[in-house]
Amino acid sequence: MVKSTRHAKYELYYHIVFVPKYRQSCLTGKTAERLKTIFAEICEDKGLELAECEVMPDHVHLFIGSPPKNAPSLIVNWVKGISARKYNQRYDDRVKWTRSYYVGTAGSDSKGAVEQYIAEQEANA
């Protein structure tokens, strides 16, 4: 769906993938559910659309819609930084992310394909 600001019409989506420190398989069970909730909170607070979210045991897939004013690197910094801080303040077990990440852009043509890919990750695990 095309959205708009005062000066622009846009349909920007970013496929973001990042991993925990040392690529440990620690994102399971309650940890995964807690992280999904935190990612949704962050997106709501920052005015982003969380189109898809899949937390795998050793990595995270997010598909986030954003206005053009937000650089992809800023979105990744928000998601990784705020999620680690909130998670570590709320719960006894710790989450640490690596500094690296993957980000790809998608518009209206490829949005459905990326959403389907992320949704199928759980089934393929």
PDB file of N, CA and C in Angstrom:
ATOM      1  N   MET A   1       0.840  -1.176   0.000  1.00  0.00           N
ATOM      2  CA  MET A   1       0.000   0.000   0.000  1.00  0.00           C
ATOM      3  C   MET A   1       0.891   1.247   0.000  1.00  0.00           C
ATOM      4  N   VAL A   2       0.638   2.142  -0.891  1.00  0.00           N
ATOM      5  CA  VAL A   2       1.407   3.372  -0.991  1.00  0.00           C
ATOM      6  C   VAL A   2       1.003   4.298   0.147  1.00  0.00           C
ATOM      7  N   LYS A   3       2.013   4.815   0.854  1.00  0.00           N
ATOM      8  CA  LYS A   3       1.782   5.747   1.962  1.00  0.00           C
ATOM      9  C   LYS A   3       2.299   7.110   1.543  1.00  0.00           C
ATOM     10  N   SER A   4       2.023   8.109   2.350  1.00  0.00           N
ATOM     11  CA  SER A   4       2.506   9.431   1.982  1.00  0.00           C
ATOM     12  C   SER A   4       2.845  10.262   3.201  1.00  0.00           C
ATOM     13  N   THR A   5       3.760  11.198   2.978  1.00  0.00           N
ATOM     14  CA  THR A   5       4.071  12.245   3.940  1.00  0.00           C
ATOM     15  C   THR A   5       3.609  13.545   3.289  1.00  0.00           C
ATOM     16  N   ARG A   6       3.959  14.658   3.854  1.00  0.00           N
ATOM     17  CA  ARG A   6       3.540  15.937   3.266  1.00  0.00           C
ATOM     18  C   ARG A   6       4.142  16.136   1.881  1.00  0.00           C
ATOM     19  N   HIS A   7       5.334  15.567   1.646  1.00  0.00           N
ATOM     20  CA  HIS A   7       6.040  15.856   0.403  1.00  0.00           C
ATOM     21  C   HIS A   7       6.382  14.630  -0.428  1.00  0.00           C
ATOM     22  N   ALA A   8       6.003  13.457   0.018  1.00  0.00           N
ATOM     23  CA  ALA A   8       6.421  12.259  -0.722  1.00  0.00           C
ATOM     24  C   ALA A   8       5.376  11.162  -0.637  1.00  0.00           C
ATOM     25  N   LYS A   9       5.340  10.371  -1.679  1.00  0.00           N
ATOM     26  CA  LYS A   9       4.579   9.122  -1.671  1.00  0.00           C
ATOM     27  C   LYS A   9       5.623   8.019  -1.701  1.00  0.00           C
ATOM     28  N   TYR A  10       5.409   6.961  -0.923  1.00  0.00           N
ATOM     29  CA  TYR A  10       6.441   5.937  -0.814  1.00  0.00           C
ATOM     30  C   TYR A  10       5.853   4.578  -0.493  1.00  0.00           C
ATOM     31  N   GLU A  11       6.637   3.569  -0.792  1.00  0.00           N
ATOM     32  CA  GLU A  11       6.363   2.192  -0.411  1.00  0.00           C
ATOM     33  C   GLU A  11       7.729   1.530  -0.252  1.00  0.00           C
ATOM     34  N   LEU A  12       8.332   1.730   0.911  1.00  0.00           N
ATOM     35  CA  LEU A  12       9.669   1.228   1.193  1.00  0.00           C
ATOM     36  C   LEU A  12       9.610   0.150   2.261  1.00  0.00           C
ATOM     37  N   TYR A  13      10.172  -0.984   1.947  1.00  0.00           N
ATOM     38  CA  TYR A  13      10.261  -2.076   2.907  1.00  0.00           C
ATOM     39  C   TYR A  13      11.694  -2.576   2.927  1.00  0.00           C
ATOM     40  N   TYR A  14      12.154  -2.928   4.110  1.00  0.00           N
ATOM     41  CA  TYR A  14      13.518  -3.429   4.280  1.00  0.00           C
ATOM     42  C   TYR A  14      13.471  -4.829   4.884  1.00  0.00           C
ATOM     43  N   HIS A  15      14.178  -5.749   4.260  1.00  0.00           N
ATOM     44  CA  HIS A  15      14.358  -7.094   4.806  1.00  0.00           C
ATOM     45  C   HIS A  15      15.666  -7.052   5.584  1.00  0.00           C
ATOM     46  N   ILE A  16      15.564  -7.213   6.899  1.00  0.00           N
ATOM     47  CA  ILE A  16      16.714  -7.085   7.788  1.00  0.00           C
ATOM     48  C   ILE A  16      16.979  -8.435   8.441  1.00  0.00           C
ATOM     49  N   VAL A  17      18.241  -8.851   8.420  1.00  0.00           N
ATOM     50  CA  VAL A  17      18.653 -10.103   9.058  1.00  0.00           C
ATOM     51  C   VAL A  17      19.863  -9.803   9.927  1.00  0.00           C
ATOM     52  N   PHE A  18      19.829 -10.279  11.174  1.00  0.00           N
ATOM     53  CA  PHE A  18      20.996 -10.149  12.050  1.00  0.00           C
ATOM     54  C   PHE A  18      21.062 -11.340  12.993  1.00  0.00           C
ATOM     55  N   VAL A  19      22.217 -11.525  13.625  1.00  0.00           N
ATOM     56  CA  VAL A  19      22.461 -12.729  14.421  1.00  0.00           C
ATOM     57  C   VAL A  19      22.933 -12.360  15.822  1.00  0.00           C
ATOM     58  N   PRO A  20      22.727 -13.273  16.782  1.00  0.00           N
ATOM     59  CA  PRO A  20      23.262 -13.036  18.120  1.00  0.00           C
ATOM     60  C   PRO A  20      24.778 -13.214  18.130  1.00  0.00           C
ATOM     61  N   LYS A  21      25.403 -12.667  19.139  1.00  0.00           N
ATOM     62  CA  LYS A  21      26.855 -12.758  19.294  1.00  0.00           C
ATOM     63  C   LYS A  21      27.285 -14.215  19.212  1.00  0.00           C
ATOM     64  N   TYR A  22      28.316 -14.482  18.463  1.00  0.00           N
ATOM     65  CA  TYR A  22      28.887 -15.823  18.239  1.00  0.00           C
ATOM     66  C   TYR A  22      27.907 -16.782  17.563  1.00  0.00           C
ATOM     67  N   ARG A  23      26.871 -16.249  16.968  1.00  0.00           N
ATOM     68  CA  ARG A  23      25.832 -17.034  16.263  1.00  0.00           C
ATOM     69  C   ARG A  23      25.311 -18.205  17.113  1.00  0.00           C
ATOM     70  N   GLN A  24      25.152 -17.947  18.383  1.00  0.00           N
ATOM     71  CA  GLN A  24      24.640 -18.966  19.300  1.00  0.00           C
ATOM     72  C   GLN A  24      23.167 -19.237  19.000  1.00  0.00           C
ATOM     73  N   SER A  25      22.741 -20.467  19.156  1.00  0.00           N
ATOM     74  CA  SER A  25      21.332 -20.838  18.960  1.00  0.00           C
ATOM     75  C   SER A  25      20.568 -20.630  20.262  1.00  0.00           C
ATOM     76  N   CYS A  26      20.430 -19.359  20.649  1.00  0.00           N
ATOM     77  CA  CYS A  26      19.811 -19.033  21.937  1.00  0.00           C
ATOM     78  C   CYS A  26      18.449 -18.358  21.801  1.00  0.00           C
ATOM     79  N   LEU A  27      17.972 -18.163  20.581  1.00  0.00           N
ATOM     80  CA  LEU A  27      16.722 -17.433  20.364  1.00  0.00           C
ATOM     81  C   LEU A  27      15.554 -18.401  20.190  1.00  0.00           C
ATOM     82  N   THR A  28      15.261 -19.140  21.246  1.00  0.00           N
ATOM     83  CA  THR A  28      14.202 -20.142  21.194  1.00  0.00           C
ATOM     84  C   THR A  28      13.210 -19.916  22.339  1.00  0.00           C
ATOM     85  N   GLY A  29      12.069 -20.573  22.260  1.00  0.00           N
ATOM     86  CA  GLY A  29      11.082 -20.567  23.345  1.00  0.00           C
ATOM     87  C   GLY A  29      10.640 -19.177  23.765  1.00  0.00           C
ATOM     88  N   LYS A  30      10.722 -18.930  25.076  1.00  0.00           N
ATOM     89  CA  LYS A  30      10.280 -17.652  25.629  1.00  0.00           C
ATOM     90  C   LYS A  30      11.110 -16.488  25.099  1.00  0.00           C
ATOM     91  N   THR A  31      12.387 -16.719  24.871  1.00  0.00           N
ATOM     92  CA  THR A  31      13.262 -15.660  24.357  1.00  0.00           C
ATOM     93  C   THR A  31      12.739 -15.156  23.018  1.00  0.00           C
ATOM     94  N   ALA A  32      12.381 -16.059  22.128  1.00  0.00           N
ATOM     95  CA  ALA A  32      11.872 -15.682  20.806  1.00  0.00           C
ATOM     96  C   ALA A  32      10.573 -14.887  20.927  1.00  0.00           C
ATOM     97  N   GLU A  33       9.661 -15.349  21.773  1.00  0.00           N
ATOM     98  CA  GLU A  33       8.382 -14.650  21.941  1.00  0.00           C
ATOM     99  C   GLU A  33       8.580 -13.263  22.545  1.00  0.00           C
ATOM    100  N   ARG A  34       9.484 -13.171  23.522  1.00  0.00           N
ATOM    101  CA  ARG A  34       9.770 -11.881  24.142  1.00  0.00           C
ATOM    102  C   ARG A  34      10.351 -10.904  23.116  1.00  0.00           C
ATOM    103  N   LEU A  35      11.254 -11.394  22.277  1.00  0.00           N
ATOM    104  CA  LEU A  35      11.872 -10.546  21.262  1.00  0.00           C
ATOM    105  C   LEU A  35      10.849 -10.068  20.236  1.00  0.00           C
ATOM    106  N   LYS A  36       9.940 -10.939  19.823  1.00  0.00           N
ATOM    107  CA  LYS A  36       8.899 -10.527  18.880  1.00  0.00           C
ATOM    108  C   LYS A  36       8.075  -9.378  19.450  1.00  0.00           C
ATOM    109  N   THR A  37       7.736  -9.467  20.725  1.00  0.00           N
ATOM    110  CA  THR A  37       6.979  -8.409  21.386  1.00  0.00           C
ATOM    111  C   THR A  37       7.781  -7.115  21.419  1.00  0.00           C
ATOM    112  N   ILE A  38       9.048  -7.218  21.746  1.00  0.00           N
ATOM    113  CA  ILE A  38       9.907  -6.034  21.819  1.00  0.00           C
ATOM    114  C   ILE A  38      10.084  -5.396  20.440  1.00  0.00           C
ATOM    115  N   PHE A  39      10.282  -6.219  19.395  1.00  0.00           N
ATOM    116  CA  PHE A  39      10.407  -5.677  18.037  1.00  0.00           C
ATOM    117  C   PHE A  39       9.136  -4.912  17.641  1.00  0.00           C
ATOM    118  N   ALA A  40       7.978  -5.459  17.988  1.00  0.00           N
ATOM    119  CA  ALA A  40       6.705  -4.784  17.683  1.00  0.00           C
ATOM    120  C   ALA A  40       6.606  -3.450  18.431  1.00  0.00           C
ATOM    121  N   GLU A  41       7.037  -3.427  19.694  1.00  0.00           N
ATOM    122  CA  GLU A  41       7.022  -2.191  20.483  1.00  0.00           C
ATOM    123  C   GLU A  41       7.907  -1.126  19.847  1.00  0.00           C
ATOM    124  N   ILE A  42       9.094  -1.529  19.430  1.00  0.00           N
ATOM    125  CA  ILE A  42      10.043  -0.587  18.830  1.00  0.00           C
ATOM    126  C   ILE A  42       9.453   0.011  17.550  1.00  0.00           C
ATOM    127  N   CYS A  43       8.905  -0.846  16.710  1.00  0.00           N
ATOM    128  CA  CYS A  43       8.332  -0.361  15.456  1.00  0.00           C
ATOM    129  C   CYS A  43       7.173   0.596  15.711  1.00  0.00           C
ATOM    130  N   GLU A  44       6.344   0.283  16.667  1.00  0.00           N
ATOM    131  CA  GLU A  44       5.230   1.170  16.997  1.00  0.00           C
ATOM    132  C   GLU A  44       5.744   2.512  17.512  1.00  0.00           C
ATOM    133  N   ASP A  45       6.729   2.486  18.404  1.00  0.00           N
ATOM    134  CA  ASP A  45       7.287   3.716  18.970  1.00  0.00           C
ATOM    135  C   ASP A  45       7.957   4.592  17.906  1.00  0.00           C
ATOM    136  N   LYS A  46       8.580   3.979  16.929  1.00  0.00           N
ATOM    137  CA  LYS A  46       9.337   4.720  15.912  1.00  0.00           C
ATOM    138  C   LYS A  46       8.527   5.011  14.646  1.00  0.00           C
ATOM    139  N   GLY A  47       7.265   4.604  14.606  1.00  0.00           N
ATOM    140  CA  GLY A  47       6.429   4.870  13.443  1.00  0.00           C
ATOM    141  C   GLY A  47       6.769   4.001  12.249  1.00  0.00           C
ATOM    142  N   LEU A  48       7.207   2.772  12.496  1.00  0.00           N
ATOM    143  CA  LEU A  48       7.550   1.813  11.451  1.00  0.00           C
ATOM    144  C   LEU A  48       6.464   0.753  11.366  1.00  0.00           C
ATOM    145  N   GLU A  49       6.390   0.080  10.228  1.00  0.00           N
ATOM    146  CA  GLU A  49       5.437  -1.018  10.058  1.00  0.00           C
ATOM    147  C   GLU A  49       6.201  -2.337  10.115  1.00  0.00           C
ATOM    148  N   LEU A  50       5.890  -3.171  11.086  1.00  0.00           N
ATOM    149  CA  LEU A  50       6.494  -4.496  11.175  1.00  0.00           C
ATOM    150  C   LEU A  50       5.620  -5.450  10.362  1.00  0.00           C
ATOM    151  N   ALA A  51       5.989  -5.663   9.099  1.00  0.00           N
ATOM    152  CA  ALA A  51       5.184  -6.486   8.197  1.00  0.00           C
ATOM    153  C   ALA A  51       5.354  -7.971   8.501  1.00  0.00           C
ATOM    154  N   GLU A  52       6.572  -8.400   8.773  1.00  0.00           N
ATOM    155  CA  GLU A  52       6.854  -9.795   9.121  1.00  0.00           C
ATOM    156  C   GLU A  52       7.970  -9.834  10.148  1.00  0.00           C
ATOM    157  N   CYS A  53       7.912 -10.835  11.012  1.00  0.00           N
ATOM    158  CA  CYS A  53       8.950 -11.021  12.025  1.00  0.00           C
ATOM    159  C   CYS A  53       9.092 -12.509  12.284  1.00  0.00           C
ATOM    160  N   GLU A  54      10.287 -13.016  12.114  1.00  0.00           N
ATOM    161  CA  GLU A  54      10.544 -14.427  12.410  1.00  0.00           C
ATOM    162  C   GLU A  54      11.855 -14.525  13.184  1.00  0.00           C
ATOM    163  N   VAL A  55      11.769 -15.076  14.380  1.00  0.00           N
ATOM    164  CA  VAL A  55      12.957 -15.266  15.215  1.00  0.00           C
ATOM    165  C   VAL A  55      13.347 -16.732  15.129  1.00  0.00           C
ATOM    166  N   MET A  56      14.470 -16.994  14.466  1.00  0.00           N
ATOM    167  CA  MET A  56      14.999 -18.344  14.324  1.00  0.00           C
ATOM    168  C   MET A  56      15.973 -18.597  15.475  1.00  0.00           C
ATOM    169  N   PRO A  57      16.370 -19.849  15.732  1.00  0.00           N
ATOM    170  CA  PRO A  57      17.272 -20.109  16.855  1.00  0.00           C
ATOM    171  C   PRO A  57      18.587 -19.328  16.799  1.00  0.00           C
ATOM    172  N   ASP A  58      19.115 -19.081  15.584  1.00  0.00           N
ATOM    173  CA  ASP A  58      20.413 -18.412  15.504  1.00  0.00           C
ATOM    174  C   ASP A  58      20.416 -17.145  14.647  1.00  0.00           C
ATOM    175  N   HIS A  59      19.239 -16.629  14.259  1.00  0.00           N
ATOM    176  CA  HIS A  59      19.167 -15.358  13.551  1.00  0.00           C
ATOM    177  C   HIS A  59      17.738 -14.824  13.548  1.00  0.00           C
ATOM    178  N   VAL A  60      17.600 -13.566  13.149  1.00  0.00           N
ATOM    179  CA  VAL A  60      16.308 -12.888  13.142  1.00  0.00           C
ATOM    180  C   VAL A  60      16.047 -12.334  11.740  1.00  0.00           C
ATOM    181  N   HIS A  61      14.821 -12.524  11.241  1.00  0.00           N
ATOM    182  CA  HIS A  61      14.355 -11.920   9.987  1.00  0.00           C
ATOM    183  C   HIS A  61      13.279 -10.899  10.344  1.00  0.00           C
ATOM    184  N   LEU A  62      13.457  -9.668   9.887  1.00  0.00           N
ATOM    185  CA  LEU A  62      12.430  -8.648  10.054  1.00  0.00           C
ATOM    186  C   LEU A  62      12.131  -8.052   8.683  1.00  0.00           C
ATOM    187  N   PHE A  63      10.881  -7.733   8.445  1.00  0.00           N
ATOM    188  CA  PHE A  63      10.477  -7.056   7.220  1.00  0.00           C
ATOM    189  C   PHE A  63       9.739  -5.807   7.668  1.00  0.00           C
ATOM    190  N   ILE A  64      10.387  -4.662   7.507  1.00  0.00           N
ATOM    191  CA  ILE A  64       9.924  -3.422   8.112  1.00  0.00           C
ATOM    192  C   ILE A  64       9.655  -2.373   7.043  1.00  0.00           C
ATOM    193  N   GLY A  65       8.486  -1.753   7.118  1.00  0.00           N
ATOM    194  CA  GLY A  65       8.140  -0.632   6.259  1.00  0.00           C
ATOM    195  C   GLY A  65       8.483   0.667   6.968  1.00  0.00           C
ATOM    196  N   SER A  66       9.040   1.618   6.204  1.00  0.00           N
ATOM    197  CA  SER A  66       9.501   2.857   6.819  1.00  0.00           C
ATOM    198  C   SER A  66       9.334   4.033   5.869  1.00  0.00           C
ATOM    199  N   PRO A  67       9.113   5.223   6.417  1.00  0.00           N
ATOM    200  CA  PRO A  67       9.143   6.419   5.583  1.00  0.00           C
ATOM    201  C   PRO A  67      10.561   6.653   5.049  1.00  0.00           C
ATOM    202  N   PRO A  68      10.701   7.380   3.949  1.00  0.00           N
ATOM    203  CA  PRO A  68      12.025   7.582   3.368  1.00  0.00           C
ATOM    204  C   PRO A  68      12.982   8.400   4.229  1.00  0.00           C
ATOM    205  N   LYS A  69      12.489   9.094   5.244  1.00  0.00           N
ATOM    206  CA  LYS A  69      13.379   9.897   6.089  1.00  0.00           C
ATOM    207  C   LYS A  69      14.309   9.028   6.949  1.00  0.00           C
ATOM    208  N   ASN A  70      13.957   7.746   7.150  1.00  0.00           N
ATOM    209  CA  ASN A  70      14.763   6.855   7.991  1.00  0.00           C
ATOM    210  C   ASN A  70      15.715   6.039   7.125  1.00  0.00           C
ATOM    211  N   ALA A  71      16.995   6.208   7.362  1.00  0.00           N
ATOM    212  CA  ALA A  71      17.991   5.412   6.643  1.00  0.00           C
ATOM    213  C   ALA A  71      17.927   3.966   7.124  1.00  0.00           C
ATOM    214  N   PRO A  72      18.198   3.006   6.245  1.00  0.00           N
ATOM    215  CA  PRO A  72      18.184   1.599   6.667  1.00  0.00           C
ATOM    216  C   PRO A  72      19.128   1.326   7.845  1.00  0.00           C
ATOM    217  N   SER A  73      20.289   1.955   7.853  1.00  0.00           N
ATOM    218  CA  SER A  73      21.231   1.741   8.960  1.00  0.00           C
ATOM    219  C   SER A  73      20.664   2.255  10.278  1.00  0.00           C
ATOM    220  N   LEU A  74      19.905   3.348  10.235  1.00  0.00           N
ATOM    221  CA  LEU A  74      19.279   3.881  11.440  1.00  0.00           C
ATOM    222  C   LEU A  74      18.232   2.906  11.970  1.00  0.00           C
ATOM    223  N   ILE A  75      17.440   2.335  11.077  1.00  0.00           N
ATOM    224  CA  ILE A  75      16.412   1.375  11.483  1.00  0.00           C
ATOM    225  C   ILE A  75      17.062   0.165  12.145  1.00  0.00           C
ATOM    226  N   VAL A  76      18.132  -0.349  11.549  1.00  0.00           N
ATOM    227  CA  VAL A  76      18.835  -1.499  12.125  1.00  0.00           C
ATOM    228  C   VAL A  76      19.397  -1.131  13.496  1.00  0.00           C
ATOM    229  N   ASN A  77      19.991   0.050  13.625  1.00  0.00           N
ATOM    230  CA  ASN A  77      20.528   0.473  14.921  1.00  0.00           C
ATOM    231  C   ASN A  77      19.435   0.570  15.970  1.00  0.00           C
ATOM    232  N   TRP A  78      18.272   1.102  15.588  1.00  0.00           N
ATOM    233  CA  TRP A  78      17.150   1.168  16.522  1.00  0.00           C
ATOM    234  C   TRP A  78      16.740  -0.232  16.969  1.00  0.00           C
ATOM    235  N   VAL A  79      16.511  -1.104  16.009  1.00  0.00           N
ATOM    236  CA  VAL A  79      15.990  -2.436  16.321  1.00  0.00           C
ATOM    237  C   VAL A  79      16.975  -3.222  17.179  1.00  0.00           C
ATOM    238  N   LYS A  80      18.233  -3.243  16.788  1.00  0.00           N
ATOM    239  CA  LYS A  80      19.213  -4.029  17.531  1.00  0.00           C
ATOM    240  C   LYS A  80      19.525  -3.404  18.891  1.00  0.00           C
ATOM    241  N   GLY A  81      19.770  -2.098  18.911  1.00  0.00           N
ATOM    242  CA  GLY A  81      20.156  -1.429  20.158  1.00  0.00           C
ATOM    243  C   GLY A  81      19.046  -1.408  21.191  1.00  0.00           C
ATOM    244  N   ILE A  82      17.873  -0.987  20.768  1.00  0.00           N
ATOM    245  CA  ILE A  82      16.755  -0.874  21.706  1.00  0.00           C
ATOM    246  C   ILE A  82      16.293  -2.252  22.160  1.00  0.00           C
ATOM    247  N   SER A  83      16.280  -3.232  21.249  1.00  0.00           N
ATOM    248  CA  SER A  83      15.820  -4.574  21.647  1.00  0.00           C
ATOM    249  C   SER A  83      16.756  -5.191  22.685  1.00  0.00           C
ATOM    250  N   ALA A  84      18.058  -5.055  22.486  1.00  0.00           N
ATOM    251  CA  ALA A  84      19.002  -5.606  23.462  1.00  0.00           C
ATOM    252  C   ALA A  84      18.850  -4.911  24.810  1.00  0.00           C
ATOM    253  N   ARG A  85      18.748  -3.589  24.783  1.00  0.00           N
ATOM    254  CA  ARG A  85      18.620  -2.839  26.025  1.00  0.00           C
ATOM    255  C   ARG A  85      17.332  -3.208  26.767  1.00  0.00           C
ATOM    256  N   LYS A  86      16.190  -3.218  26.048  1.00  0.00           N
ATOM    257  CA  LYS A  86      14.915  -3.564  26.694  1.00  0.00           C
ATOM    258  C   LYS A  86      14.920  -4.999  27.208  1.00  0.00           C
ATOM    259  N   TYR A  87      15.406  -5.920  26.386  1.00  0.00           N
ATOM    260  CA  TYR A  87      15.412  -7.325  26.793  1.00  0.00           C
ATOM    261  C   TYR A  87      16.273  -7.516  28.042  1.00  0.00           C
ATOM    262  N   ASN A  88      17.457  -6.951  28.039  1.00  0.00           N
ATOM    263  CA  ASN A  88      18.379  -7.142  29.157  1.00  0.00           C
ATOM    264  C   ASN A  88      17.918  -6.458  30.430  1.00  0.00           C
ATOM    265  N   GLN A  89      17.104  -5.408  30.317  1.00  0.00           N
ATOM    266  CA  GLN A  89      16.540  -4.756  31.495  1.00  0.00           C
ATOM    267  C   GLN A  89      15.378  -5.553  32.082  1.00  0.00           C
ATOM    268  N   ARG A  90      14.620  -6.219  31.220  1.00  0.00           N
ATOM    269  CA  ARG A  90      13.411  -6.917  31.660  1.00  0.00           C
ATOM    270  C   ARG A  90      13.655  -8.343  32.132  1.00  0.00           C
ATOM    271  N   TYR A  91      14.650  -9.013  31.570  1.00  0.00           N
ATOM    272  CA  TYR A  91      14.810 -10.453  31.815  1.00  0.00           C
ATOM    273  C   TYR A  91      16.222 -10.776  32.290  1.00  0.00           C
ATOM    274  N   ASP A  92      16.340 -11.913  32.987  1.00  0.00           N
ATOM    275  CA  ASP A  92      17.631 -12.317  33.558  1.00  0.00           C
ATOM    276  C   ASP A  92      18.616 -12.827  32.510  1.00  0.00           C
ATOM    277  N   ASP A  93      18.115 -13.572  31.510  1.00  0.00           N
ATOM    278  CA  ASP A  93      19.034 -14.028  30.466  1.00  0.00           C
ATOM    279  C   ASP A  93      19.368 -12.844  29.561  1.00  0.00           C
ATOM    280  N   ARG A  94      20.511 -12.875  28.928  1.00  0.00           N
ATOM    281  CA  ARG A  94      21.006 -11.742  28.146  1.00  0.00           C
ATOM    282  C   ARG A  94      20.946 -12.002  26.655  1.00  0.00           C
ATOM    283  N   VAL A  95      20.731 -10.934  25.890  1.00  0.00           N
ATOM    284  CA  VAL A  95      20.787 -10.990  24.430  1.00  0.00           C
ATOM    285  C   VAL A  95      21.830  -9.985  23.978  1.00  0.00           C
ATOM    286  N   LYS A  96      22.751 -10.437  23.137  1.00  0.00           N
ATOM    287  CA  LYS A  96      23.744  -9.554  22.519  1.00  0.00           C
ATOM    288  C   LYS A  96      23.760  -9.831  21.033  1.00  0.00           C
ATOM    289  N   TRP A  97      23.786  -8.770  20.241  1.00  0.00           N
ATOM    290  CA  TRP A  97      23.812  -8.906  18.792  1.00  0.00           C
ATOM    291  C   TRP A  97      25.219  -8.631  18.270  1.00  0.00           C
ATOM    292  N   THR A  98      25.549  -9.243  17.128  1.00  0.00           N
ATOM    293  CA  THR A  98      26.797  -8.890  16.463  1.00  0.00           C
ATOM    294  C   THR A  98      26.628  -7.504  15.841  1.00  0.00           C
ATOM    295  N   ARG A  99      27.729  -6.908  15.429  1.00  0.00           N
ATOM    296  CA  ARG A  99      27.637  -5.590  14.803  1.00  0.00           C
ATOM    297  C   ARG A  99      27.202  -5.684  13.339  1.00  0.00           C
ATOM    298  N   SER A 100      27.294  -6.861  12.760  1.00  0.00           N
ATOM    299  CA  SER A 100      26.972  -7.009  11.345  1.00  0.00           C
ATOM    300  C   SER A 100      25.477  -7.266  11.141  1.00  0.00           C
ATOM    301  N   TYR A 101      25.027  -7.023   9.914  1.00  0.00           N
ATOM    302  CA  TYR A 101      23.636  -7.266   9.552  1.00  0.00           C
ATOM    303  C   TYR A 101      23.519  -7.295   8.040  1.00  0.00           C
ATOM    304  N   TYR A 102      22.384  -7.779   7.580  1.00  0.00           N
ATOM    305  CA  TYR A 102      22.029  -7.730   6.160  1.00  0.00           C
ATOM    306  C   TYR A 102      20.775  -6.874   6.036  1.00  0.00           C
ATOM    307  N   VAL A 103      20.729  -6.037   5.024  1.00  0.00           N
ATOM    308  CA  VAL A 103      19.505  -5.298   4.731  1.00  0.00           C
ATOM    309  C   VAL A 103      19.322  -5.247   3.219  1.00  0.00           C
ATOM    310  N   GLY A 104      18.095  -5.556   2.794  1.00  0.00           N
ATOM    311  CA  GLY A 104      17.733  -5.482   1.384  1.00  0.00           C
ATOM    312  C   GLY A 104      16.450  -4.689   1.267  1.00  0.00           C
ATOM    313  N   THR A 105      16.286  -3.999   0.157  1.00  0.00           N
ATOM    314  CA  THR A 105      15.082  -3.198  -0.032  1.00  0.00           C
ATOM    315  C   THR A 105      14.064  -3.961  -0.869  1.00  0.00           C
ATOM    316  N   ALA A 106      12.817  -3.611  -0.664  1.00  0.00           N
ATOM    317  CA  ALA A 106      11.740  -4.225  -1.439  1.00  0.00           C
ATOM    318  C   ALA A 106      10.632  -3.193  -1.610  1.00  0.00           C
ATOM    319  N   GLY A 107      10.041  -3.182  -2.769  1.00  0.00           N
ATOM    320  CA  GLY A 107       8.898  -2.313  -3.039  1.00  0.00           C
ATOM    321  C   GLY A 107       7.661  -3.155  -3.203  1.00  0.00           C
ATOM    322  N   SER A 108       6.684  -2.632  -3.896  1.00  0.00           N
ATOM    323  CA  SER A 108       5.419  -3.341  -4.027  1.00  0.00           C
ATOM    324  C   SER A 108       5.551  -4.648  -4.801  1.00  0.00           C
ATOM    325  N   ASP A 109       6.452  -4.705  -5.801  1.00  0.00           N
ATOM    326  CA  ASP A 109       6.581  -5.909  -6.621  1.00  0.00           C
ATOM    327  C   ASP A 109       7.130  -7.092  -5.844  1.00  0.00           C
ATOM    328  N   SER A 110       8.135  -6.860  -5.018  1.00  0.00           N
ATOM    329  CA  SER A 110       8.792  -7.978  -4.336  1.00  0.00           C
ATOM    330  C   SER A 110       8.358  -8.148  -2.882  1.00  0.00           C
ATOM    331  N   LYS A 111       7.487  -7.283  -2.381  1.00  0.00           N
ATOM    332  CA  LYS A 111       7.044  -7.350  -0.988  1.00  0.00           C
ATOM    333  C   LYS A 111       6.434  -8.707  -0.658  1.00  0.00           C
ATOM    334  N   GLY A 112       5.551  -9.195  -1.505  1.00  0.00           N
ATOM    335  CA  GLY A 112       4.902 -10.482  -1.265  1.00  0.00           C
ATOM    336  C   GLY A 112       5.891 -11.630  -1.254  1.00  0.00           C
ATOM    337  N   ALA A 113       6.871 -11.585  -2.138  1.00  0.00           N
ATOM    338  CA  ALA A 113       7.882 -12.651  -2.200  1.00  0.00           C
ATOM    339  C   ALA A 113       8.726 -12.690  -0.924  1.00  0.00           C
ATOM    340  N   VAL A 114       9.118 -11.520  -0.422  1.00  0.00           N
ATOM    341  CA  VAL A 114       9.926 -11.473   0.802  1.00  0.00           C
ATOM    342  C   VAL A 114       9.104 -11.917   2.002  1.00  0.00           C
ATOM    343  N   GLU A 115       7.863 -11.468   2.086  1.00  0.00           N
ATOM    344  CA  GLU A 115       6.990 -11.889   3.194  1.00  0.00           C
ATOM    345  C   GLU A 115       6.820 -13.405   3.194  1.00  0.00           C
ATOM    346  N   GLN A 116       6.624 -13.989   2.010  1.00  0.00           N
ATOM    347  CA  GLN A 116       6.467 -15.431   1.906  1.00  0.00           C
ATOM    348  C   GLN A 116       7.744 -16.157   2.330  1.00  0.00           C
ATOM    349  N   TYR A 117       8.891 -15.642   1.899  1.00  0.00           N
ATOM    350  CA  TYR A 117      10.182 -16.240   2.263  1.00  0.00           C
ATOM    351  C   TYR A 117      10.366 -16.247   3.783  1.00  0.00           C
ATOM    352  N   ILE A 118      10.085 -15.122   4.429  1.00  0.00           N
ATOM    353  CA  ILE A 118      10.257 -15.033   5.879  1.00  0.00           C
ATOM    354  C   ILE A 118       9.276 -15.964   6.585  1.00  0.00           C
ATOM    355  N   ALA A 119       8.043 -15.995   6.144  1.00  0.00           N
ATOM    356  CA  ALA A 119       7.035 -16.867   6.755  1.00  0.00           C
ATOM    357  C   ALA A 119       7.417 -18.348   6.621  1.00  0.00           C
ATOM    358  N   GLU A 120       8.076 -18.706   5.537  1.00  0.00           N
ATOM    359  CA  GLU A 120       8.461 -20.101   5.313  1.00  0.00           C
ATOM    360  C   GLU A 120       9.693 -20.523   6.096  1.00  0.00           C
ATOM    361  N   GLN A 121      10.415 -19.568   6.699  1.00  0.00           N
ATOM    362  CA  GLN A 121      11.631 -19.906   7.442  1.00  0.00           C
ATOM    363  C   GLN A 121      11.329 -20.824   8.613  1.00  0.00           C
ATOM    364  N   GLU A 122      10.253 -20.582   9.319  1.00  0.00           N
ATOM    365  CA  GLU A 122       9.893 -21.426  10.463  1.00  0.00           C
ATOM    366  C   GLU A 122       9.592 -22.842  10.018  1.00  0.00           C
ATOM    367  N   ALA A 123       8.921 -22.995   8.894  1.00  0.00           N
ATOM    368  CA  ALA A 123       8.571 -24.327   8.394  1.00  0.00           C
ATOM    369  C   ALA A 123       9.814 -25.098   7.940  1.00  0.00           C
ATOM    370  N   ASN A 124      10.816 -24.389   7.462  1.00  0.00           N
ATOM    371  CA  ASN A 124      12.035 -25.039   6.968  1.00  0.00           C
ATOM    372  C   ASN A 124      13.053 -25.321   8.049  1.00  0.00           C
ATOM    373  N   ALA A 125      12.834 -24.802   9.252  1.00  0.00           N
ATOM    374  CA  ALA A 125      13.824 -24.973  10.326  1.00  0.00           C
ATOM    375  C   ALA A 125      13.862 -26.391  10.853  1.00  0.00           C
TER     376      ALA A 125
END
